[in-house]
Amino acid sequence: MTKLVTFYVEQHNSHLPHSAFKGQTPDEMYFGTGEGIPKQLAAAKLQARELRLQTN
């Protein structure tokens, strides 16, 4: 059981982006390593929108 809880906590903190943190993981927020993530997500969103407009 301890192994599963440890796995879950590690996955949650280092792999799952959180909308409250603008796409950053809790670890990225805590350690300050994810400053560029919101800009990357905004650029990807814009690119996807432009592709949809071209396709449709």
N, C-alpha and C. Protein backbone atom coordinates (compact mmCIF):
# COMPACT_ATOMS: atom_id res chain seq x y z
N MET A 1 0.83 -1.20 0.00
CA MET A 1 0.00 0.00 0.00
C MET A 1 0.87 1.27 0.00
N THR A 2 1.92 1.26 0.78
CA THR A 2 2.81 2.41 0.84
C THR A 2 3.44 2.69 -0.52
N LYS A 3 3.77 1.63 -1.25
CA LYS A 3 4.34 1.78 -2.59
C LYS A 3 3.37 2.50 -3.52
N LEU A 4 2.11 2.15 -3.44
CA LEU A 4 1.11 2.77 -4.31
C LEU A 4 0.90 4.24 -3.97
N VAL A 5 0.87 4.55 -2.69
CA VAL A 5 0.70 5.94 -2.27
C VAL A 5 1.91 6.76 -2.70
N THR A 6 3.09 6.22 -2.53
CA THR A 6 4.31 6.91 -2.94
C THR A 6 4.29 7.16 -4.45
N PHE A 7 3.88 6.15 -5.21
CA PHE A 7 3.80 6.30 -6.66
C PHE A 7 2.80 7.40 -7.03
N TYR A 8 1.63 7.37 -6.42
CA TYR A 8 0.61 8.37 -6.72
C TYR A 8 1.10 9.78 -6.42
N VAL A 9 1.67 9.98 -5.25
CA VAL A 9 2.14 11.31 -4.86
C VAL A 9 3.22 11.81 -5.82
N GLU A 10 4.14 10.93 -6.20
CA GLU A 10 5.21 11.30 -7.12
C GLU A 10 4.62 11.68 -8.48
N GLN A 11 3.68 10.91 -8.98
CA GLN A 11 3.05 11.20 -10.27
C GLN A 11 2.28 12.53 -10.21
N HIS A 12 1.55 12.71 -9.13
CA HIS A 12 0.75 13.93 -8.98
C HIS A 12 1.64 15.17 -8.93
N ASN A 13 2.71 15.11 -8.19
CA ASN A 13 3.56 16.28 -8.00
C ASN A 13 4.48 16.58 -9.18
N SER A 14 4.89 15.56 -9.92
CA SER A 14 5.90 15.82 -10.94
C SER A 14 5.43 15.59 -12.38
N HIS A 15 4.26 15.00 -12.58
CA HIS A 15 3.84 14.67 -13.95
C HIS A 15 2.48 15.25 -14.36
N LEU A 16 1.61 15.51 -13.42
CA LEU A 16 0.26 15.97 -13.77
C LEU A 16 0.17 17.49 -13.73
N PRO A 17 -0.01 18.12 -14.89
CA PRO A 17 -0.16 19.58 -14.90
C PRO A 17 -1.46 19.98 -14.21
N HIS A 18 -1.48 21.15 -13.63
CA HIS A 18 -2.63 21.62 -12.87
C HIS A 18 -3.13 22.93 -13.46
N SER A 19 -4.43 23.03 -13.68
CA SER A 19 -4.98 24.25 -14.28
C SER A 19 -4.81 25.46 -13.37
N ALA A 20 -4.83 25.27 -12.06
CA ALA A 20 -4.63 26.39 -11.14
C ALA A 20 -3.22 26.95 -11.24
N PHE A 21 -2.29 26.14 -11.72
CA PHE A 21 -0.90 26.58 -11.88
C PHE A 21 -0.59 26.91 -13.34
N LYS A 22 -1.63 27.14 -14.14
CA LYS A 22 -1.49 27.49 -15.56
C LYS A 22 -0.68 26.45 -16.33
N GLY A 23 -0.98 25.17 -16.07
CA GLY A 23 -0.35 24.09 -16.80
C GLY A 23 0.94 23.55 -16.20
N GLN A 24 1.38 24.14 -15.11
CA GLN A 24 2.59 23.66 -14.46
C GLN A 24 2.24 22.58 -13.45
N THR A 25 3.21 21.72 -13.17
CA THR A 25 3.01 20.71 -12.13
C THR A 25 3.27 21.35 -10.77
N PRO A 26 2.80 20.73 -9.69
CA PRO A 26 3.10 21.27 -8.36
C PRO A 26 4.61 21.41 -8.11
N ASP A 27 5.40 20.45 -8.57
CA ASP A 27 6.86 20.55 -8.39
C ASP A 27 7.43 21.75 -9.14
N GLU A 28 6.96 21.99 -10.36
CA GLU A 28 7.45 23.13 -11.14
C GLU A 28 7.11 24.45 -10.45
N MET A 29 5.95 24.52 -9.85
CA MET A 29 5.58 25.72 -9.11
C MET A 29 6.46 25.89 -7.87
N TYR A 30 6.63 24.82 -7.12
CA TYR A 30 7.38 24.89 -5.87
C TYR A 30 8.85 25.24 -6.11
N PHE A 31 9.45 24.58 -7.10
CA PHE A 31 10.87 24.79 -7.36
C PHE A 31 11.15 25.93 -8.33
N GLY A 32 10.10 26.50 -8.93
CA GLY A 32 10.26 27.62 -9.85
C GLY A 32 10.90 27.26 -11.18
N THR A 33 10.65 26.05 -11.65
CA THR A 33 11.30 25.59 -12.89
C THR A 33 10.37 25.61 -14.10
N GLY A 34 9.14 26.05 -13.94
CA GLY A 34 8.20 25.97 -15.05
C GLY A 34 7.72 27.31 -15.57
N GLU A 35 8.57 28.33 -15.50
CA GLU A 35 8.14 29.67 -15.91
C GLU A 35 7.67 29.72 -17.35
N GLY A 36 8.27 28.96 -18.24
CA GLY A 36 7.93 29.02 -19.66
C GLY A 36 6.73 28.20 -20.07
N ILE A 37 6.21 27.39 -19.19
CA ILE A 37 5.09 26.49 -19.52
C ILE A 37 3.85 27.26 -19.99
N PRO A 38 3.38 28.28 -19.27
CA PRO A 38 2.18 28.99 -19.75
C PRO A 38 2.36 29.58 -21.15
N LYS A 39 3.54 30.10 -21.46
CA LYS A 39 3.79 30.64 -22.80
C LYS A 39 3.77 29.54 -23.85
N GLN A 40 4.36 28.38 -23.52
CA GLN A 40 4.36 27.25 -24.46
C GLN A 40 2.95 26.77 -24.73
N LEU A 41 2.13 26.69 -23.68
CA LEU A 41 0.75 26.24 -23.84
C LEU A 41 -0.06 27.24 -24.67
N ALA A 42 0.15 28.52 -24.44
CA ALA A 42 -0.56 29.55 -25.21
C ALA A 42 -0.17 29.48 -26.68
N ALA A 43 1.11 29.28 -26.96
CA ALA A 43 1.57 29.17 -28.35
C ALA A 43 0.99 27.93 -29.02
N ALA A 44 0.96 26.81 -28.30
CA ALA A 44 0.40 25.57 -28.86
C ALA A 44 -1.09 25.73 -29.11
N LYS A 45 -1.79 26.42 -28.21
CA LYS A 45 -3.22 26.65 -28.38
C LYS A 45 -3.48 27.51 -29.62
N LEU A 46 -2.68 28.55 -29.80
CA LEU A 46 -2.82 29.41 -30.97
C LEU A 46 -2.53 28.65 -32.26
N GLN A 47 -1.50 27.83 -32.24
CA GLN A 47 -1.14 27.04 -33.42
C GLN A 47 -2.26 26.05 -33.77
N ALA A 48 -2.83 25.41 -32.76
CA ALA A 48 -3.92 24.46 -33.00
C ALA A 48 -5.15 25.17 -33.56
N ARG A 49 -5.42 26.36 -33.05
CA ARG A 49 -6.56 27.14 -33.55
C ARG A 49 -6.35 27.52 -35.02
N GLU A 50 -5.15 27.97 -35.35
CA GLU A 50 -4.86 28.34 -36.74
C GLU A 50 -4.98 27.14 -37.67
N LEU A 51 -4.52 25.98 -37.22
CA LEU A 51 -4.63 24.76 -38.02
C LEU A 51 -6.09 24.38 -38.23
N ARG A 52 -6.91 24.50 -37.19
CA ARG A 52 -8.33 24.20 -37.32
C ARG A 52 -9.00 25.15 -38.31
N LEU A 53 -8.63 26.43 -38.25
CA LEU A 53 -9.23 27.40 -39.18
C LEU A 53 -8.85 27.10 -40.62
N GLN A 54 -7.62 26.65 -40.85
CA GLN A 54 -7.19 26.30 -42.20
C GLN A 54 -7.90 25.04 -42.69
N THR A 55 -8.08 24.09 -41.81
CA THR A 55 -8.69 22.81 -42.17
C THR A 55 -10.19 22.96 -42.42
N ASN A 56 -10.84 23.73 -41.59
CA ASN A 56 -12.30 23.88 -41.71
C ASN A 56 -12.59 25.06 -42.57
